[in-house]
PDB file of N, CA and C in Angstrom:
ATOM      1  N   MET A   1      11.813  -0.331  23.343  1.00  0.00           N
ATOM      2  CA  MET A   1      11.621  -1.271  24.198  1.00  0.00           C
ATOM      3  C   MET A   1      11.786  -0.918  25.872  1.00  0.00           C
ATOM      4  N   ARG A   2      11.340  -1.496  26.883  1.00  0.00           N
ATOM      5  CA  ARG A   2      11.702  -1.549  27.795  1.00  0.00           C
ATOM      6  C   ARG A   2      11.778  -2.835  28.592  1.00  0.00           C
ATOM      7  N   PHE A   3      12.708  -3.103  29.405  1.00  0.00           N
ATOM      8  CA  PHE A   3      13.068  -4.197  30.355  1.00  0.00           C
ATOM      9  C   PHE A   3      13.858  -4.009  31.652  1.00  0.00           C
ATOM     10  N   THR A   4      13.960  -4.747  32.354  1.00  0.00           N
ATOM     11  CA  THR A   4      14.413  -5.102  33.249  1.00  0.00           C
ATOM     12  C   THR A   4      15.495  -6.162  33.495  1.00  0.00           C
ATOM     13  N   VAL A   5      16.598  -6.230  34.447  1.00  0.00           N
ATOM     14  CA  VAL A   5      17.342  -7.303  34.437  1.00  0.00           C
ATOM     15  C   VAL A   5      17.424  -7.859  36.105  1.00  0.00           C
ATOM     16  N   GLN A   6      16.579  -8.503  36.265  1.00  0.00           N
ATOM     17  CA  GLN A   6      17.262  -9.280  37.854  1.00  0.00           C
ATOM     18  C   GLN A   6      16.976 -10.841  38.027  1.00  0.00           C
ATOM     19  N   ASN A   7      17.917 -10.860  38.669  1.00  0.00           N
ATOM     20  CA  ASN A   7      18.427 -12.467  39.341  1.00  0.00           C
ATOM     21  C   ASN A   7      18.694 -12.828  37.896  1.00  0.00           C
ATOM     22  N   GLY A   8      19.346 -12.463  36.900  1.00  0.00           N
ATOM     23  CA  GLY A   8      19.594 -13.431  35.838  1.00  0.00           C
ATOM     24  C   GLY A   8      18.228 -13.232  34.504  1.00  0.00           C
ATOM     25  N   PHE A   9      17.377 -12.983  34.898  1.00  0.00           N
ATOM     26  CA  PHE A   9      16.024 -13.191  34.305  1.00  0.00           C
ATOM     27  C   PHE A   9      15.913 -11.414  33.674  1.00  0.00           C
ATOM     28  N   VAL A  10      15.355 -11.625  32.332  1.00  0.00           N
ATOM     29  CA  VAL A  10      14.770 -10.314  31.224  1.00  0.00           C
ATOM     30  C   VAL A  10      13.681 -10.556  31.405  1.00  0.00           C
ATOM     31  N   THR A  11      12.961  -9.231  31.528  1.00  0.00           N
ATOM     32  CA  THR A  11      11.348  -8.745  31.975  1.00  0.00           C
ATOM     33  C   THR A  11      11.095  -7.641  31.176  1.00  0.00           C
ATOM     34  N   GLY A  12      10.419  -7.535  30.339  1.00  0.00           N
ATOM     35  CA  GLY A  12       9.865  -6.260  30.137  1.00  0.00           C
ATOM     36  C   GLY A  12       9.028  -6.358  28.912  1.00  0.00           C
ATOM     37  N   THR A  13       8.729  -5.022  28.035  1.00  0.00           N
ATOM     38  CA  THR A  13       7.804  -5.116  27.033  1.00  0.00           C
ATOM     39  C   THR A  13       8.405  -4.133  25.769  1.00  0.00           C
ATOM     40  N   TYR A  14       7.792  -4.560  24.778  1.00  0.00           N
ATOM     41  CA  TYR A  14       8.263  -4.027  23.421  1.00  0.00           C
ATOM     42  C   TYR A  14       7.049  -3.530  22.376  1.00  0.00           C
ATOM     43  N   ARG A  15       7.507  -2.505  21.798  1.00  0.00           N
ATOM     44  CA  ARG A  15       6.326  -1.899  20.897  1.00  0.00           C
ATOM     45  C   ARG A  15       6.797  -1.430  19.504  1.00  0.00           C
ATOM     46  N   PRO A  16       6.969  -2.063  18.201  1.00  0.00           N
ATOM     47  CA  PRO A  16       7.614  -1.478  16.971  1.00  0.00           C
ATOM     48  C   PRO A  16       7.604  -0.089  16.878  1.00  0.00           C
ATOM     49  N   ASP A  17       8.770   0.372  16.422  1.00  0.00           N
ATOM     50  CA  ASP A  17       8.749   2.150  16.255  1.00  0.00           C
ATOM     51  C   ASP A  17       7.412   2.357  15.431  1.00  0.00           C
ATOM     52  N   THR A  18       7.012   1.677  14.539  1.00  0.00           N
ATOM     53  CA  THR A  18       5.941   2.160  13.593  1.00  0.00           C
ATOM     54  C   THR A  18       4.626   1.650  14.270  1.00  0.00           C
ATOM     55  N   GLY A  19       4.408   1.636  15.296  1.00  0.00           N
ATOM     56  CA  GLY A  19       3.243   1.272  16.175  1.00  0.00           C
ATOM     57  C   GLY A  19       2.888  -0.027  16.148  1.00  0.00           C
ATOM     58  N   GLY A  20       1.471  -0.235  16.651  1.00  0.00           N
ATOM     59  CA  GLY A  20       1.731  -1.840  16.733  1.00  0.00           C
ATOM     60  C   GLY A  20       1.228  -1.866  18.221  1.00  0.00           C
ATOM     61  N   ARG A  21       0.764  -3.111  18.443  1.00  0.00           N
ATOM     62  CA  ARG A  21       0.329  -3.483  20.082  1.00  0.00           C
ATOM     63  C   ARG A  21       1.862  -4.073  21.084  1.00  0.00           C
ATOM     64  N   ILE A  22       1.772  -3.363  22.045  1.00  0.00           N
ATOM     65  CA  ILE A  22       2.716  -3.719  23.008  1.00  0.00           C
ATOM     66  C   ILE A  22       2.675  -5.405  23.437  1.00  0.00           C
ATOM     67  N   THR A  23       4.297  -5.650  23.280  1.00  0.00           N
ATOM     68  CA  THR A  23       4.153  -7.281  23.534  1.00  0.00           C
ATOM     69  C   THR A  23       5.198  -7.737  24.686  1.00  0.00           C
ATOM     70  N   THR A  24       5.223  -8.557  25.286  1.00  0.00           N
ATOM     71  CA  THR A  24       6.040  -9.141  26.599  1.00  0.00           C
ATOM     72  C   THR A  24       7.535  -9.486  26.054  1.00  0.00           C
ATOM     73  N   VAL A  25       8.366  -8.972  26.431  1.00  0.00           N
ATOM     74  CA  VAL A  25       9.457  -9.690  26.455  1.00  0.00           C
ATOM     75  C   VAL A  25       9.973 -10.380  27.851  1.00  0.00           C
ATOM     76  N   HIS A  26      10.747 -11.825  27.164  1.00  0.00           N
ATOM     77  CA  HIS A  26      11.589 -12.204  28.514  1.00  0.00           C
ATOM     78  C   HIS A  26      12.560 -12.972  27.977  1.00  0.00           C
ATOM     79  N   GLY A  27      13.407 -13.097  28.865  1.00  0.00           N
ATOM     80  CA  GLY A  27      14.766 -13.753  28.755  1.00  0.00           C
ATOM     81  C   GLY A  27      15.649 -13.812  29.837  1.00  0.00           C
ATOM     82  N   GLY A  28      16.814 -13.817  29.642  1.00  0.00           N
ATOM     83  CA  GLY A  28      17.896 -13.826  30.394  1.00  0.00           C
ATOM     84  C   GLY A  28      19.240 -13.460  30.198  1.00  0.00           C
ATOM     85  N   VAL A  29      20.332 -13.629  31.131  1.00  0.00           N
ATOM     86  CA  VAL A  29      21.302 -13.048  31.209  1.00  0.00           C
ATOM     87  C   VAL A  29      22.753 -13.583  31.720  1.00  0.00           C
ATOM     88  N   ASN A  30      23.924 -13.863  30.946  1.00  0.00           N
ATOM     89  CA  ASN A  30      24.896 -14.769  31.537  1.00  0.00           C
ATOM     90  C   ASN A  30      25.970 -13.789  31.604  1.00  0.00           C
ATOM     91  N   GLY A  31      26.710 -13.476  32.289  1.00  0.00           N
ATOM     92  CA  GLY A  31      27.967 -12.702  32.265  1.00  0.00           C
ATOM     93  C   GLY A  31      27.457 -11.585  31.244  1.00  0.00           C
ATOM     94  N   SER A  32      28.317 -10.824  30.184  1.00  0.00           N
ATOM     95  CA  SER A  32      28.057  -9.957  29.302  1.00  0.00           C
ATOM     96  C   SER A  32      27.024 -10.171  28.423  1.00  0.00           C
ATOM     97  N   ARG A  33      26.793 -11.631  28.762  1.00  0.00           N
ATOM     98  CA  ARG A  33      25.431 -12.183  27.543  1.00  0.00           C
ATOM     99  C   ARG A  33      24.175 -11.936  27.553  1.00  0.00           C
ATOM    100  N   ILE A  34      23.345 -11.202  26.912  1.00  0.00           N
ATOM    101  CA  ILE A  34      21.762 -10.926  27.382  1.00  0.00           C
ATOM    102  C   ILE A  34      21.078 -11.751  25.924  1.00  0.00           C
ATOM    103  N   TRP A  35      20.168 -12.229  26.045  1.00  0.00           N
ATOM    104  CA  TRP A  35      18.892 -12.743  24.942  1.00  0.00           C
ATOM    105  C   TRP A  35      17.424 -12.751  25.419  1.00  0.00           C
ATOM    106  N   PHE A  36      16.922 -12.847  24.525  1.00  0.00           N
ATOM    107  CA  PHE A  36      15.270 -12.300  25.126  1.00  0.00           C
ATOM    108  C   PHE A  36      14.614 -12.463  23.885  1.00  0.00           C
ATOM    109  N   ASP A  37      13.303 -12.801  23.908  1.00  0.00           N
ATOM    110  CA  ASP A  37      12.636 -13.622  22.706  1.00  0.00           C
ATOM    111  C   ASP A  37      10.951 -12.192  22.698  1.00  0.00           C
ATOM    112  N   ILE A  38      11.011 -11.902  21.545  1.00  0.00           N
ATOM    113  CA  ILE A  38      10.038 -11.142  20.915  1.00  0.00           C
ATOM    114  C   ILE A  38       8.860 -11.837  20.383  1.00  0.00           C
ATOM    115  N   ALA A  39       7.974 -12.406  20.728  1.00  0.00           N
ATOM    116  CA  ALA A  39       7.018 -13.025  19.963  1.00  0.00           C
ATOM    117  C   ALA A  39       6.399 -12.521  18.949  1.00  0.00           C
ATOM    118  N   THR A  40       5.883 -11.336  19.078  1.00  0.00           N
ATOM    119  CA  THR A  40       5.104 -10.335  17.852  1.00  0.00           C
ATOM    120  C   THR A  40       5.918 -10.327  16.532  1.00  0.00           C
ATOM    121  N   LEU A  41       7.134 -10.398  16.857  1.00  0.00           N
ATOM    122  CA  LEU A  41       8.070 -10.184  15.323  1.00  0.00           C
ATOM    123  C   LEU A  41       8.448 -11.481  14.948  1.00  0.00           C
ATOM    124  N   GLY A  42       7.536 -12.447  14.753  1.00  0.00           N
ATOM    125  CA  GLY A  42       7.732 -13.530  14.161  1.00  0.00           C
ATOM    126  C   GLY A  42       8.294 -14.907  15.172  1.00  0.00           C
ATOM    127  N   ASP A  43       8.363 -14.578  16.393  1.00  0.00           N
ATOM    128  CA  ASP A  43       9.052 -15.236  17.732  1.00  0.00           C
ATOM    129  C   ASP A  43      10.586 -15.268  17.248  1.00  0.00           C
ATOM    130  N   VAL A  44      10.919 -14.072  17.368  1.00  0.00           N
ATOM    131  CA  VAL A  44      12.405 -13.549  17.361  1.00  0.00           C
ATOM    132  C   VAL A  44      13.159 -13.458  18.769  1.00  0.00           C
ATOM    133  N   ARG A  45      14.401 -14.219  18.253  1.00  0.00           N
ATOM    134  CA  ARG A  45      15.440 -14.442  19.631  1.00  0.00           C
ATOM    135  C   ARG A  45      16.390 -13.412  19.147  1.00  0.00           C
ATOM    136  N   ILE A  46      16.747 -12.530  20.249  1.00  0.00           N
ATOM    137  CA  ILE A  46      17.486 -11.574  20.255  1.00  0.00           C
ATOM    138  C   ILE A  46      18.455 -12.158  20.986  1.00  0.00           C
ATOM    139  N   ASN A  47      20.493 -12.156  20.444  1.00  0.00           N
ATOM    140  CA  ASN A  47      21.172 -12.424  21.239  1.00  0.00           C
ATOM    141  C   ASN A  47      22.110 -11.352  21.076  1.00  0.00           C
ATOM    142  N   ALA A  48      22.724 -10.526  22.123  1.00  0.00           N
ATOM    143  CA  ALA A  48      23.388  -9.243  22.258  1.00  0.00           C
ATOM    144  C   ALA A  48      24.549  -9.748  23.600  1.00  0.00           C
ATOM    145  N   THR A  49      25.327  -8.688  23.074  1.00  0.00           N
ATOM    146  CA  THR A  49      26.440  -8.711  24.047  1.00  0.00           C
ATOM    147  C   THR A  49      25.975  -7.213  24.857  1.00  0.00           C
ATOM    148  N   ARG A  50      26.332  -7.186  26.311  1.00  0.00           N
ATOM    149  CA  ARG A  50      26.461  -6.009  27.102  1.00  0.00           C
ATOM    150  C   ARG A  50      27.837  -5.404  27.257  1.00  0.00           C
ATOM    151  N   GLU A  51      27.717  -4.144  26.747  1.00  0.00           N
ATOM    152  CA  GLU A  51      29.358  -3.623  26.902  1.00  0.00           C
ATOM    153  C   GLU A  51      29.462  -3.003  28.424  1.00  0.00           C
ATOM    154  N   PRO A  52      30.507  -2.627  28.676  1.00  0.00           N
ATOM    155  CA  PRO A  52      31.142  -2.226  30.138  1.00  0.00           C
ATOM    156  C   PRO A  52      30.128  -0.756  30.343  1.00  0.00           C
ATOM    157  N   ASP A  53      29.578   0.184  29.322  1.00  0.00           N
ATOM    158  CA  ASP A  53      29.001   1.201  29.139  1.00  0.00           C
ATOM    159  C   ASP A  53      27.445   1.020  29.418  1.00  0.00           C
ATOM    160  N   GLY A  54      27.160   0.022  29.179  1.00  0.00           N
ATOM    161  CA  GLY A  54      25.844  -0.119  29.151  1.00  0.00           C
ATOM    162  C   GLY A  54      24.847  -0.760  27.663  1.00  0.00           C
ATOM    163  N   THR A  55      25.599  -0.129  26.872  1.00  0.00           N
ATOM    164  CA  THR A  55      25.063  -0.407  25.478  1.00  0.00           C
ATOM    165  C   THR A  55      25.001  -1.819  25.014  1.00  0.00           C
ATOM    166  N   MET A  56      24.249  -2.317  24.195  1.00  0.00           N
ATOM    167  CA  MET A  56      24.270  -3.691  23.470  1.00  0.00           C
ATOM    168  C   MET A  56      24.194  -3.842  21.902  1.00  0.00           C
ATOM    169  N   GLN A  57      25.141  -4.724  21.618  1.00  0.00           N
ATOM    170  CA  GLN A  57      24.892  -4.958  20.310  1.00  0.00           C
ATOM    171  C   GLN A  57      24.718  -6.644  19.644  1.00  0.00           C
ATOM    172  N   GLY A  58      24.072  -6.624  19.017  1.00  0.00           N
ATOM    173  CA  GLY A  58      23.605  -8.218  18.620  1.00  0.00           C
ATOM    174  C   GLY A  58      22.744  -8.445  17.455  1.00  0.00           C
ATOM    175  N   MET A  59      22.509  -9.641  17.237  1.00  0.00           N
ATOM    176  CA  MET A  59      21.924 -10.263  16.250  1.00  0.00           C
ATOM    177  C   MET A  59      20.574 -10.914  16.411  1.00  0.00           C
ATOM    178  N   GLY A  60      19.497 -10.592  15.771  1.00  0.00           N
ATOM    179  CA  GLY A  60      18.139 -11.297  15.854  1.00  0.00           C
ATOM    180  C   GLY A  60      17.786 -11.942  14.630  1.00  0.00           C
ATOM    181  N   SER A  61      16.809 -13.351  15.041  1.00  0.00           N
ATOM    182  CA  SER A  61      16.254 -14.135  13.899  1.00  0.00           C
ATOM    183  C   SER A  61      14.894 -14.611  14.490  1.00  0.00           C
ATOM    184  N   SER A  62      14.080 -15.075  13.394  1.00  0.00           N
ATOM    185  CA  SER A  62      12.652 -15.455  13.749  1.00  0.00           C
ATOM    186  C   SER A  62      13.255 -16.819  13.826  1.00  0.00           C
ATOM    187  N   ARG A  63      12.569 -17.389  14.683  1.00  0.00           N
ATOM    188  CA  ARG A  63      12.886 -19.017  14.875  1.00  0.00           C
ATOM    189  C   ARG A  63      12.461 -20.099  13.763  1.00  0.00           C
ATOM    190  N   ASN A  64      11.571 -19.481  12.913  1.00  0.00           N
ATOM    191  CA  ASN A  64      11.269 -20.201  11.605  1.00  0.00           C
ATOM    192  C   ASN A  64      12.093 -20.134  10.168  1.00  0.00           C
ATOM    193  N   GLY A  65      13.106 -19.172  10.910  1.00  0.00           N
ATOM    194  CA  GLY A  65      14.528 -19.000   9.582  1.00  0.00           C
ATOM    195  C   GLY A  65      13.944 -18.144   8.491  1.00  0.00           C
ATOM    196  N   GLY A  66      13.440 -16.774   8.929  1.00  0.00           N
ATOM    197  CA  GLY A  66      12.807 -15.388   8.285  1.00  0.00           C
ATOM    198  C   GLY A  66      13.869 -14.497   8.401  1.00  0.00           C
ATOM    199  N   THR A  67      13.184 -13.371   8.608  1.00  0.00           N
ATOM    200  CA  THR A  67      14.006 -12.389   8.681  1.00  0.00           C
ATOM    201  C   THR A  67      14.871 -12.365   9.756  1.00  0.00           C
ATOM    202  N   GLN A  68      16.284 -11.432   9.434  1.00  0.00           N
ATOM    203  CA  GLN A  68      17.386 -11.329  10.585  1.00  0.00           C
ATOM    204  C   GLN A  68      17.245  -9.724  10.824  1.00  0.00           C
ATOM    205  N   TRP A  69      17.739  -9.437  11.975  1.00  0.00           N
ATOM    206  CA  TRP A  69      18.081  -8.084  12.444  1.00  0.00           C
ATOM    207  C   TRP A  69      19.292  -7.732  13.342  1.00  0.00           C
ATOM    208  N   VAL A  70      19.721  -6.482  12.821  1.00  0.00           N
ATOM    209  CA  VAL A  70      20.863  -6.083  13.428  1.00  0.00           C
ATOM    210  C   VAL A  70      20.104  -5.409  15.185  1.00  0.00           C
ATOM    211  N   PHE A  71      20.643  -5.810  16.152  1.00  0.00           N
ATOM    212  CA  PHE A  71      20.024  -5.067  17.601  1.00  0.00           C
ATOM    213  C   PHE A  71      21.078  -4.171  18.077  1.00  0.00           C
ATOM    214  N   THR A  72      20.908  -2.637  18.256  1.00  0.00           N
ATOM    215  CA  THR A  72      21.859  -2.118  19.024  1.00  0.00           C
ATOM    216  C   THR A  72      20.908  -1.337  20.037  1.00  0.00           C
ATOM    217  N   ALA A  73      21.565  -0.917  21.115  1.00  0.00           N
ATOM    218  CA  ALA A  73      20.569  -0.499  21.980  1.00  0.00           C
ATOM    219  C   ALA A  73      21.357   0.548  22.868  1.00  0.00           C
ATOM    220  N   THR A  74      20.950   1.778  23.625  1.00  0.00           N
ATOM    221  CA  THR A  74      21.549   2.425  24.216  1.00  0.00           C
ATOM    222  C   THR A  74      20.506   2.634  25.546  1.00  0.00           C
ATOM    223  N   PRO A  75      20.966   2.250  26.939  1.00  0.00           N
ATOM    224  CA  PRO A  75      19.998   2.560  27.845  1.00  0.00           C
ATOM    225  C   PRO A  75      19.720   3.861  28.274  1.00  0.00           C
ATOM    226  N   LEU A  76      18.595   4.181  28.454  1.00  0.00           N
ATOM    227  CA  LEU A  76      18.238   5.501  29.064  1.00  0.00           C
ATOM    228  C   LEU A  76      18.490   5.400  30.762  1.00  0.00           C
ATOM    229  N   PRO A  77      18.746   6.887  31.128  1.00  0.00           N
ATOM    230  CA  PRO A  77      18.821   6.444  32.949  1.00  0.00           C
ATOM    231  C   PRO A  77      17.497   6.383  33.384  1.00  0.00           C
ATOM    232  N   SER A  78      17.675   5.350  34.415  1.00  0.00           N
ATOM    233  CA  SER A  78      16.101   4.968  35.185  1.00  0.00           C
ATOM    234  C   SER A  78      16.093   6.689  35.818  1.00  0.00           C
ATOM    235  N   PRO A  79      14.390   6.839  35.733  1.00  0.00           N
ATOM    236  CA  PRO A  79      13.702   7.714  36.093  1.00  0.00           C
ATOM    237  C   PRO A  79      14.172   7.973  37.994  1.00  0.00           C
ATOM    238  N   SER A  80      14.304   9.352  38.086  1.00  0.00           N
ATOM    239  CA  SER A  80      14.464   9.503  39.647  1.00  0.00           C
ATOM    240  C   SER A  80      12.795   9.301  40.456  1.00  0.00           C
ATOM    241  N   PRO A  81      13.218   8.910  41.497  1.00  0.00           N
ATOM    242  CA  PRO A  81      11.868   8.537  42.272  1.00  0.00           C
ATOM    243  C   PRO A  81      11.062   9.913  42.630  1.00  0.00           C
TER     244      PRO A  81
END
């Protein structure tokens, strides 16, 4: 997953570790809370908390009440110009 946060909005892309097509990610930020939707995982909503070191932890579930996921992320440094 790659995304940016700008003016309170999350935009980016997601591709499963197993391969498959790349899909768009959209969401928002409010303080340390971040949320975003991943349509190709069965319309999944991820709700997470950003820690001061930039890591994120949270939960995800499909809107149809199906599978649930535990979400953890460690940001990579931004590429140098």
